[in-house]
All heavy atoms as atom14 arrays in JSON, in Angstrom:
{
  "sequence": "SRLWNEGDLPAIKRLAKSSTRAMLLLALPIVIAMVLFSGVIMRFF",
  "atom14_mask": [
    [1, 1, 1, 1, 1, 1, 0, 0, 0, 0, 0, 0, 0, 0],
    [1, 1, 1, 1, 1, 1, 1, 1, 1, 1, 1, 0, 0, 0],
    [1, 1, 1, 1, 1, 1, 1, 1, 0, 0, 0, 0, 0, 0],
    [1, 1, 1, 1, 1, 1, 1, 1, 1, 1, 1, 1, 1, 1],
    [1, 1, 1, 1, 1, 1, 1, 1, 0, 0, 0, 0, 0, 0],
    [1, 1, 1, 1, 1, 1, 1, 1, 1, 0, 0, 0, 0, 0],
    [1, 1, 1, 1, 0, 0, 0, 0, 0, 0, 0, 0, 0, 0],
    [1, 1, 1, 1, 1, 1, 1, 1, 0, 0, 0, 0, 0, 0],
    [1, 1, 1, 1, 1, 1, 1, 1, 0, 0, 0, 0, 0, 0],
    [1, 1, 1, 1, 1, 1, 1, 0, 0, 0, 0, 0, 0, 0],
    [1, 1, 1, 1, 1, 0, 0, 0, 0, 0, 0, 0, 0, 0],
    [1, 1, 1, 1, 1, 1, 1, 1, 0, 0, 0, 0, 0, 0],
    [1, 1, 1, 1, 1, 1, 1, 1, 1, 0, 0, 0, 0, 0],
    [1, 1, 1, 1, 1, 1, 1, 1, 1, 1, 1, 0, 0, 0],
    [1, 1, 1, 1, 1, 1, 1, 1, 0, 0, 0, 0, 0, 0],
    [1, 1, 1, 1, 1, 0, 0, 0, 0, 0, 0, 0, 0, 0],
    [1, 1, 1, 1, 1, 1, 1, 1, 1, 0, 0, 0, 0, 0],
    [1, 1, 1, 1, 1, 1, 0, 0, 0, 0, 0, 0, 0, 0],
    [1, 1, 1, 1, 1, 1, 0, 0, 0, 0, 0, 0, 0, 0],
    [1, 1, 1, 1, 1, 1, 1, 0, 0, 0, 0, 0, 0, 0],
    [1, 1, 1, 1, 1, 1, 1, 1, 1, 1, 1, 0, 0, 0],
    [1, 1, 1, 1, 1, 0, 0, 0, 0, 0, 0, 0, 0, 0],
    [1, 1, 1, 1, 1, 1, 1, 1, 0, 0, 0, 0, 0, 0],
    [1, 1, 1, 1, 1, 1, 1, 1, 0, 0, 0, 0, 0, 0],
    [1, 1, 1, 1, 1, 1, 1, 1, 0, 0, 0, 0, 0, 0],
    [1, 1, 1, 1, 1, 1, 1, 1, 0, 0, 0, 0, 0, 0],
    [1, 1, 1, 1, 1, 0, 0, 0, 0, 0, 0, 0, 0, 0],
    [1, 1, 1, 1, 1, 1, 1, 1, 0, 0, 0, 0, 0, 0],
    [1, 1, 1, 1, 1, 1, 1, 0, 0, 0, 0, 0, 0, 0],
    [1, 1, 1, 1, 1, 1, 1, 1, 0, 0, 0, 0, 0, 0],
    [1, 1, 1, 1, 1, 1, 1, 0, 0, 0, 0, 0, 0, 0],
    [1, 1, 1, 1, 1, 1, 1, 1, 0, 0, 0, 0, 0, 0],
    [1, 1, 1, 1, 1, 0, 0, 0, 0, 0, 0, 0, 0, 0],
    [1, 1, 1, 1, 1, 1, 1, 1, 0, 0, 0, 0, 0, 0],
    [1, 1, 1, 1, 1, 1, 1, 0, 0, 0, 0, 0, 0, 0],
    [1, 1, 1, 1, 1, 1, 1, 1, 0, 0, 0, 0, 0, 0],
    [1, 1, 1, 1, 1, 1, 1, 1, 1, 1, 1, 0, 0, 0],
    [1, 1, 1, 1, 1, 1, 0, 0, 0, 0, 0, 0, 0, 0],
    [1, 1, 1, 1, 0, 0, 0, 0, 0, 0, 0, 0, 0, 0],
    [1, 1, 1, 1, 1, 1, 1, 0, 0, 0, 0, 0, 0, 0],
    [1, 1, 1, 1, 1, 1, 1, 1, 0, 0, 0, 0, 0, 0],
    [1, 1, 1, 1, 1, 1, 1, 1, 0, 0, 0, 0, 0, 0],
    [1, 1, 1, 1, 1, 1, 1, 1, 1, 1, 1, 0, 0, 0],
    [1, 1, 1, 1, 1, 1, 1, 1, 1, 1, 1, 0, 0, 0],
    [1, 1, 1, 1, 1, 1, 1, 1, 1, 1, 1, 0, 0, 0]
  ],
  "atom14_positions": [
    [[41.74, 7.67, 63.15], [41.05, 6.68, 63.97], [39.73, 7.24, 64.52], [38.69, 6.59, 64.46], [41.95, 6.22, 65.12], [41.3, 5.3, 65.95], [0.0, 0.0, 0.0], [0.0, 0.0, 0.0], [0.0, 0.0, 0.0], [0.0, 0.0, 0.0], [0.0, 0.0, 0.0], [0.0, 0.0, 0.0], [0.0, 0.0, 0.0], [0.0, 0.0, 0.0]],
    [[39.8, 8.47, 65.03], [38.59, 9.09, 65.6], [37.53, 9.31, 64.54], [36.35, 9.0, 64.74], [38.98, 10.41, 66.27], [37.78, 11.2, 66.82], [38.24, 12.5, 67.49], [39.02, 13.31, 66.58], [38.5, 14.09, 65.62], [37.18, 14.13, 65.45], [39.29, 14.83, 64.87], [0.0, 0.0, 0.0], [0.0, 0.0, 0.0], [0.0, 0.0, 0.0]],
    [[37.92, 9.85, 63.39], [36.97, 10.13, 62.31], [36.34, 8.85, 61.76], [35.18, 8.81, 61.39], [37.66, 10.92, 61.19], [38.07, 12.35, 61.54], [38.95, 12.94, 60.44], [36.85, 13.23, 61.77], [0.0, 0.0, 0.0], [0.0, 0.0, 0.0], [0.0, 0.0, 0.0], [0.0, 0.0, 0.0], [0.0, 0.0, 0.0], [0.0, 0.0, 0.0]],
    [[37.15, 7.78, 61.72], [36.61, 6.51, 61.23], [35.57, 5.97, 62.21], [34.53, 5.45, 61.78], [37.76, 5.51, 61.03], [37.3, 4.2, 60.5], [37.19, 3.03, 61.19], [36.9, 3.9, 59.15], [36.76, 2.0, 60.37], [36.56, 2.51, 59.11], [36.8, 4.65, 57.99], [36.13, 1.89, 57.93], [36.37, 4.03, 56.82], [36.05, 2.67, 56.81]],
    [[35.84, 6.08, 63.49], [34.88, 5.64, 64.5], [33.59, 6.45, 64.43], [32.5, 5.95, 64.73], [35.46, 5.76, 65.91], [36.37, 4.6, 66.25], [36.52, 3.66, 65.47], [37.01, 4.66, 67.4], [0.0, 0.0, 0.0], [0.0, 0.0, 0.0], [0.0, 0.0, 0.0], [0.0, 0.0, 0.0], [0.0, 0.0, 0.0], [0.0, 0.0, 0.0]],
    [[33.7, 7.7, 64.02], [32.51, 8.57, 63.88], [31.82, 8.38, 62.53], [30.78, 8.98, 62.29], [32.94, 10.04, 64.04], [33.44, 10.38, 65.45], [34.05, 11.77, 65.53], [34.1, 12.46, 64.48], [34.46, 12.18, 66.63], [0.0, 0.0, 0.0], [0.0, 0.0, 0.0], [0.0, 0.0, 0.0], [0.0, 0.0, 0.0], [0.0, 0.0, 0.0]],
    [[32.44, 7.6, 61.63], [31.84, 7.35, 60.32], [31.94, 8.52, 59.36], [31.15, 8.63, 58.42], [0.0, 0.0, 0.0], [0.0, 0.0, 0.0], [0.0, 0.0, 0.0], [0.0, 0.0, 0.0], [0.0, 0.0, 0.0], [0.0, 0.0, 0.0], [0.0, 0.0, 0.0], [0.0, 0.0, 0.0], [0.0, 0.0, 0.0], [0.0, 0.0, 0.0]],
    [[32.92, 9.4, 59.58], [33.06, 10.6, 58.76], [34.13, 10.41, 57.68], [35.23, 10.96, 57.76], [33.41, 11.79, 59.66], [33.16, 13.14, 58.97], [32.98, 13.13, 57.73], [33.18, 14.17, 59.67], [0.0, 0.0, 0.0], [0.0, 0.0, 0.0], [0.0, 0.0, 0.0], [0.0, 0.0, 0.0], [0.0, 0.0, 0.0], [0.0, 0.0, 0.0]],
    [[33.81, 9.63, 56.66], [34.76, 9.38, 55.56], [35.1, 10.65, 54.78], [36.27, 10.82, 54.4], [34.21, 8.3, 54.63], [35.14, 7.87, 53.5], [36.48, 7.34, 54.03], [34.46, 6.79, 52.63], [0.0, 0.0, 0.0], [0.0, 0.0, 0.0], [0.0, 0.0, 0.0], [0.0, 0.0, 0.0], [0.0, 0.0, 0.0], [0.0, 0.0, 0.0]],
    [[34.14, 11.54, 54.48], [34.51, 12.77, 53.78], [35.57, 13.59, 54.51], [36.45, 14.19, 53.87], [33.17, 13.55, 53.69], [32.13, 12.47, 53.71], [32.67, 11.42, 54.65], [0.0, 0.0, 0.0], [0.0, 0.0, 0.0], [0.0, 0.0, 0.0], [0.0, 0.0, 0.0], [0.0, 0.0, 0.0], [0.0, 0.0, 0.0], [0.0, 0.0, 0.0]],
    [[35.49, 13.63, 55.84], [36.5, 14.38, 56.6], [37.87, 13.7, 56.5], [38.9, 14.38, 56.42], [36.08, 14.5, 58.06], [0.0, 0.0, 0.0], [0.0, 0.0, 0.0], [0.0, 0.0, 0.0], [0.0, 0.0, 0.0], [0.0, 0.0, 0.0], [0.0, 0.0, 0.0], [0.0, 0.0, 0.0], [0.0, 0.0, 0.0], [0.0, 0.0, 0.0]],
    [[37.89, 12.36, 56.5], [39.15, 11.64, 56.33], [39.75, 11.97, 54.97], [40.95, 12.21, 54.85], [38.92, 10.12, 56.46], [38.53, 9.76, 57.9], [40.17, 9.35, 56.02], [38.21, 8.3, 58.09], [0.0, 0.0, 0.0], [0.0, 0.0, 0.0], [0.0, 0.0, 0.0], [0.0, 0.0, 0.0], [0.0, 0.0, 0.0], [0.0, 0.0, 0.0]],
    [[38.92, 11.99, 53.94], [39.38, 12.3, 52.59], [39.98, 13.69, 52.5], [41.06, 13.9, 51.96], [38.23, 12.16, 51.59], [38.59, 12.44, 50.15], [37.38, 12.25, 49.25], [37.72, 12.58, 47.8], [36.53, 12.37, 46.91], [0.0, 0.0, 0.0], [0.0, 0.0, 0.0], [0.0, 0.0, 0.0], [0.0, 0.0, 0.0], [0.0, 0.0, 0.0]],
    [[39.26, 14.67, 53.08], [39.76, 16.06, 53.05], [41.1, 16.18, 53.8], [42.02, 16.83, 53.32], [38.73, 17.0, 53.69], [37.49, 17.22, 52.85], [36.68, 18.4, 53.38], [36.25, 18.18, 54.75], [35.1, 17.6, 55.09], [34.3, 17.13, 54.15], [34.76, 17.46, 56.37], [0.0, 0.0, 0.0], [0.0, 0.0, 0.0], [0.0, 0.0, 0.0]],
    [[41.17, 15.55, 54.96], [42.39, 15.62, 55.76], [43.56, 14.96, 55.02], [44.68, 15.5, 55.01], [42.15, 14.94, 57.11], [43.34, 14.91, 58.09], [43.82, 16.32, 58.41], [42.94, 14.17, 59.38], [0.0, 0.0, 0.0], [0.0, 0.0, 0.0], [0.0, 0.0, 0.0], [0.0, 0.0, 0.0], [0.0, 0.0, 0.0], [0.0, 0.0, 0.0]],
    [[43.31, 13.8, 54.42], [44.36, 13.08, 53.71], [44.87, 13.87, 52.52], [46.08, 13.97, 52.27], [43.86, 11.71, 53.27], [0.0, 0.0, 0.0], [0.0, 0.0, 0.0], [0.0, 0.0, 0.0], [0.0, 0.0, 0.0], [0.0, 0.0, 0.0], [0.0, 0.0, 0.0], [0.0, 0.0, 0.0], [0.0, 0.0, 0.0], [0.0, 0.0, 0.0]],
    [[43.97, 14.43, 51.74], [44.37, 15.16, 50.52], [45.11, 16.45, 50.87], [46.15, 16.76, 50.27], [43.14, 15.46, 49.67], [42.61, 14.26, 48.91], [41.43, 14.63, 48.03], [41.02, 13.46, 47.16], [42.02, 13.18, 46.1], [0.0, 0.0, 0.0], [0.0, 0.0, 0.0], [0.0, 0.0, 0.0], [0.0, 0.0, 0.0], [0.0, 0.0, 0.0]],
    [[44.6, 17.2, 51.82], [45.24, 18.49, 52.17], [46.63, 18.25, 52.77], [47.59, 18.96, 52.46], [44.37, 19.28, 53.14], [44.17, 18.56, 54.35], [0.0, 0.0, 0.0], [0.0, 0.0, 0.0], [0.0, 0.0, 0.0], [0.0, 0.0, 0.0], [0.0, 0.0, 0.0], [0.0, 0.0, 0.0], [0.0, 0.0, 0.0], [0.0, 0.0, 0.0]],
    [[46.75, 17.23, 53.61], [48.05, 16.97, 54.24], [49.05, 16.46, 53.23], [50.24, 16.82, 53.27], [47.89, 15.96, 55.39], [47.4, 14.73, 54.92], [0.0, 0.0, 0.0], [0.0, 0.0, 0.0], [0.0, 0.0, 0.0], [0.0, 0.0, 0.0], [0.0, 0.0, 0.0], [0.0, 0.0, 0.0], [0.0, 0.0, 0.0], [0.0, 0.0, 0.0]],
    [[48.62, 15.64, 52.25], [49.55, 15.11, 51.24], [50.06, 16.22, 50.34], [51.26, 16.27, 50.0], [48.85, 14.03, 50.4], [48.4, 12.99, 51.27], [49.82, 13.43, 49.39], [0.0, 0.0, 0.0], [0.0, 0.0, 0.0], [0.0, 0.0, 0.0], [0.0, 0.0, 0.0], [0.0, 0.0, 0.0], [0.0, 0.0, 0.0], [0.0, 0.0, 0.0]],
    [[49.17, 17.12, 49.92], [49.62, 18.24, 49.07], [50.65, 19.1, 49.8], [51.66, 19.51, 49.22], [48.41, 19.09, 48.64], [47.55, 18.46, 47.56], [46.6, 19.47, 46.97], [45.58, 19.85, 47.93], [44.37, 19.29, 48.01], [44.06, 18.29, 47.19], [43.5, 19.7, 48.91], [0.0, 0.0, 0.0], [0.0, 0.0, 0.0], [0.0, 0.0, 0.0]],
    [[50.38, 19.38, 51.06], [51.31, 20.21, 51.84], [52.65, 19.5, 51.99], [53.72, 20.12, 51.86], [50.7, 20.49, 53.22], [0.0, 0.0, 0.0], [0.0, 0.0, 0.0], [0.0, 0.0, 0.0], [0.0, 0.0, 0.0], [0.0, 0.0, 0.0], [0.0, 0.0, 0.0], [0.0, 0.0, 0.0], [0.0, 0.0, 0.0], [0.0, 0.0, 0.0]],
    [[52.64, 18.19, 52.24], [53.88, 17.44, 52.42], [54.72, 17.45, 51.15], [55.93, 17.6, 51.18], [53.57, 15.99, 52.84], [53.05, 15.85, 54.26], [52.92, 14.14, 54.8], [51.62, 13.52, 53.74], [0.0, 0.0, 0.0], [0.0, 0.0, 0.0], [0.0, 0.0, 0.0], [0.0, 0.0, 0.0], [0.0, 0.0, 0.0], [0.0, 0.0, 0.0]],
    [[54.05, 17.27, 50.01], [54.79, 17.23, 48.73], [55.43, 18.57, 48.42], [56.57, 18.62, 47.95], [53.84, 16.81, 47.61], [54.49, 16.49, 46.26], [55.55, 15.41, 46.41], [53.44, 16.08, 45.24], [0.0, 0.0, 0.0], [0.0, 0.0, 0.0], [0.0, 0.0, 0.0], [0.0, 0.0, 0.0], [0.0, 0.0, 0.0], [0.0, 0.0, 0.0]],
    [[54.72, 19.64, 48.68], [55.27, 20.98, 48.43], [56.5, 21.23, 49.31], [57.46, 21.86, 48.87], [54.2, 22.05, 48.72], [53.09, 22.18, 47.65], [52.03, 23.15, 48.13], [53.68, 22.64, 46.33], [0.0, 0.0, 0.0], [0.0, 0.0, 0.0], [0.0, 0.0, 0.0], [0.0, 0.0, 0.0], [0.0, 0.0, 0.0], [0.0, 0.0, 0.0]],
    [[56.48, 20.74, 50.53], [57.61, 20.93, 51.43], [58.78, 20.02, 51.08], [59.95, 20.39, 51.26], [57.17, 20.67, 52.87], [56.2, 21.69, 53.49], [55.69, 21.19, 54.84], [56.9, 23.04, 53.67], [0.0, 0.0, 0.0], [0.0, 0.0, 0.0], [0.0, 0.0, 0.0], [0.0, 0.0, 0.0], [0.0, 0.0, 0.0], [0.0, 0.0, 0.0]],
    [[58.48, 18.83, 50.57], [59.53, 17.85, 50.31], [60.29, 18.1, 49.0], [61.49, 17.8, 48.91], [58.95, 16.44, 50.3], [0.0, 0.0, 0.0], [0.0, 0.0, 0.0], [0.0, 0.0, 0.0], [0.0, 0.0, 0.0], [0.0, 0.0, 0.0], [0.0, 0.0, 0.0], [0.0, 0.0, 0.0], [0.0, 0.0, 0.0], [0.0, 0.0, 0.0]],
    [[59.62, 18.64, 47.98], [60.24, 18.81, 46.67], [61.53, 19.62, 46.71], [62.53, 19.21, 46.09], [59.24, 19.43, 45.69], [58.34, 18.44, 44.94], [57.3, 19.18, 44.12], [59.18, 17.53, 44.05], [0.0, 0.0, 0.0], [0.0, 0.0, 0.0], [0.0, 0.0, 0.0], [0.0, 0.0, 0.0], [0.0, 0.0, 0.0], [0.0, 0.0, 0.0]],
    [[61.58, 20.77, 47.39], [62.85, 21.52, 47.42], [63.99, 20.73, 48.05], [65.14, 20.86, 47.63], [62.5, 22.77, 48.26], [61.02, 22.89, 48.17], [60.5, 21.49, 48.09], [0.0, 0.0, 0.0], [0.0, 0.0, 0.0], [0.0, 0.0, 0.0], [0.0, 0.0, 0.0], [0.0, 0.0, 0.0], [0.0, 0.0, 0.0], [0.0, 0.0, 0.0]],
    [[63.68, 19.9, 49.06], [64.71, 19.1, 49.71], [65.27, 18.07, 48.73], [66.5, 17.86, 48.64], [64.14, 18.42, 50.95], [63.55, 19.44, 51.92], [65.24, 17.61, 51.66], [62.86, 18.81, 53.12], [0.0, 0.0, 0.0], [0.0, 0.0, 0.0], [0.0, 0.0, 0.0], [0.0, 0.0, 0.0], [0.0, 0.0, 0.0], [0.0, 0.0, 0.0]],
    [[64.39, 17.43, 47.96], [64.82, 16.44, 46.98], [65.7, 17.06, 45.93], [66.77, 16.53, 45.56], [63.6, 15.75, 46.33], [64.06, 14.78, 45.25], [62.78, 15.02, 47.37], [0.0, 0.0, 0.0], [0.0, 0.0, 0.0], [0.0, 0.0, 0.0], [0.0, 0.0, 0.0], [0.0, 0.0, 0.0], [0.0, 0.0, 0.0], [0.0, 0.0, 0.0]],
    [[65.28, 18.2, 45.41], [66.06, 18.89, 44.37], [67.45, 19.24, 44.88], [68.45, 19.06, 44.19], [65.29, 20.16, 43.9], [64.01, 19.75, 43.18], [66.18, 21.0, 42.98], [63.08, 20.91, 42.87], [0.0, 0.0, 0.0], [0.0, 0.0, 0.0], [0.0, 0.0, 0.0], [0.0, 0.0, 0.0], [0.0, 0.0, 0.0], [0.0, 0.0, 0.0]],
    [[67.52, 19.74, 46.13], [68.82, 20.1, 46.7], [69.7, 18.86, 46.85], [70.92, 18.92, 46.57], [68.62, 20.77, 48.06], [0.0, 0.0, 0.0], [0.0, 0.0, 0.0], [0.0, 0.0, 0.0], [0.0, 0.0, 0.0], [0.0, 0.0, 0.0], [0.0, 0.0, 0.0], [0.0, 0.0, 0.0], [0.0, 0.0, 0.0], [0.0, 0.0, 0.0]],
    [[69.12, 17.74, 47.26], [69.92, 16.52, 47.44], [70.43, 15.98, 46.12], [71.54, 15.43, 46.04], [69.1, 15.45, 48.17], [68.89, 15.74, 49.64], [68.07, 14.37, 50.49], [67.98, 15.06, 52.16], [0.0, 0.0, 0.0], [0.0, 0.0, 0.0], [0.0, 0.0, 0.0], [0.0, 0.0, 0.0], [0.0, 0.0, 0.0], [0.0, 0.0, 0.0]],
    [[69.64, 16.11, 45.07], [70.07, 15.63, 43.75], [71.17, 16.52, 43.18], [72.18, 16.04, 42.65], [68.87, 15.55, 42.79], [69.34, 15.26, 41.35], [67.9, 14.48, 43.24], [0.0, 0.0, 0.0], [0.0, 0.0, 0.0], [0.0, 0.0, 0.0], [0.0, 0.0, 0.0], [0.0, 0.0, 0.0], [0.0, 0.0, 0.0], [0.0, 0.0, 0.0]],
    [[70.99, 17.83, 43.29], [71.95, 18.77, 42.69], [73.25, 18.87, 43.48], [74.33, 19.09, 42.9], [71.31, 20.16, 42.59], [70.13, 20.29, 41.61], [69.57, 21.71, 41.63], [70.53, 19.89, 40.19], [0.0, 0.0, 0.0], [0.0, 0.0, 0.0], [0.0, 0.0, 0.0], [0.0, 0.0, 0.0], [0.0, 0.0, 0.0], [0.0, 0.0, 0.0]],
    [[73.18, 18.74, 44.8], [74.36, 18.94, 45.63], [74.7, 17.7, 46.46], [75.18, 17.8, 47.6], [74.14, 20.14, 46.57], [73.76, 21.4, 45.86], [72.45, 21.85, 45.87], [74.7, 22.12, 45.13], [72.08, 23.01, 45.2], [74.35, 23.27, 44.46], [73.04, 23.72, 44.48], [0.0, 0.0, 0.0], [0.0, 0.0, 0.0], [0.0, 0.0, 0.0]],
    [[74.47, 16.54, 45.89], [74.67, 15.29, 46.62], [76.11, 15.11, 47.13], [76.33, 14.7, 48.26], [74.28, 14.08, 45.76], [75.0, 14.1, 44.53], [0.0, 0.0, 0.0], [0.0, 0.0, 0.0], [0.0, 0.0, 0.0], [0.0, 0.0, 0.0], [0.0, 0.0, 0.0], [0.0, 0.0, 0.0], [0.0, 0.0, 0.0], [0.0, 0.0, 0.0]],
    [[77.09, 15.46, 46.29], [78.49, 15.32, 46.69], [78.85, 16.23, 47.85], [79.53, 15.82, 48.8], [0.0, 0.0, 0.0], [0.0, 0.0, 0.0], [0.0, 0.0, 0.0], [0.0, 0.0, 0.0], [0.0, 0.0, 0.0], [0.0, 0.0, 0.0], [0.0, 0.0, 0.0], [0.0, 0.0, 0.0], [0.0, 0.0, 0.0], [0.0, 0.0, 0.0]],
    [[78.4, 17.47, 47.78], [78.67, 18.45, 48.84], [78.04, 18.0, 50.16], [78.65, 18.09, 51.22], [78.14, 19.85, 48.44], [78.31, 20.84, 49.6], [78.83, 20.34, 47.18], [0.0, 0.0, 0.0], [0.0, 0.0, 0.0], [0.0, 0.0, 0.0], [0.0, 0.0, 0.0], [0.0, 0.0, 0.0], [0.0, 0.0, 0.0], [0.0, 0.0, 0.0]],
    [[76.81, 17.52, 50.06], [76.1, 17.07, 51.27], [76.8, 15.89, 51.9], [77.01, 15.84, 53.13], [74.64, 16.71, 50.92], [73.88, 17.97, 50.5], [73.95, 16.05, 52.11], [72.5, 17.7, 49.93], [0.0, 0.0, 0.0], [0.0, 0.0, 0.0], [0.0, 0.0, 0.0], [0.0, 0.0, 0.0], [0.0, 0.0, 0.0], [0.0, 0.0, 0.0]],
    [[77.21, 14.91, 51.1], [77.86, 13.72, 51.65], [79.23, 14.03, 52.24], [79.68, 13.37, 53.18], [77.99, 12.65, 50.57], [76.66, 12.0, 50.18], [75.87, 11.11, 51.56], [77.04, 9.76, 51.79], [0.0, 0.0, 0.0], [0.0, 0.0, 0.0], [0.0, 0.0, 0.0], [0.0, 0.0, 0.0], [0.0, 0.0, 0.0], [0.0, 0.0, 0.0]],
    [[79.9, 15.04, 51.73], [81.21, 15.43, 52.25], [81.11, 15.92, 53.68], [82.1, 15.96, 54.43], [81.84, 16.49, 51.35], [83.38, 16.6, 51.48], [83.96, 17.55, 50.46], [83.71, 17.05, 49.11], [83.09, 17.75, 48.16], [82.64, 18.95, 48.42], [82.92, 17.23, 46.96], [0.0, 0.0, 0.0], [0.0, 0.0, 0.0], [0.0, 0.0, 0.0]],
    [[79.92, 16.32, 54.09], [79.69, 16.78, 55.45], [80.03, 15.7, 56.47], [80.41, 15.99, 57.61], [78.21, 17.19, 55.6], [77.78, 17.51, 56.99], [78.22, 18.63, 57.66], [76.89, 16.65, 57.66], [77.8, 18.91, 58.96], [76.47, 16.92, 58.95], [76.94, 18.06, 59.6], [0.0, 0.0, 0.0], [0.0, 0.0, 0.0], [0.0, 0.0, 0.0]],
    [[79.93, 14.43, 56.07], [80.19, 13.32, 56.97], [81.66, 12.97, 57.09], [82.03, 12.13, 57.93], [79.39, 12.08, 56.53], [77.9, 12.27, 56.6], [77.19, 12.66, 55.47], [77.23, 12.11, 57.79], [75.82, 12.85, 55.51], [75.85, 12.29, 57.85], [75.15, 12.67, 56.72], [0.0, 0.0, 0.0], [0.0, 0.0, 0.0], [0.0, 0.0, 0.0]]
  ]
}
């Protein structure tokens, strides 16, 4: 919101791309674990 009000679209682009790459790297191991060990995980409940 702040960057858009300042008219800094390049900064928005950099922030969006860097944050998305970081999120995907962190999320992938969690997804793999849930797919491979879904039964074990659900038994926790």
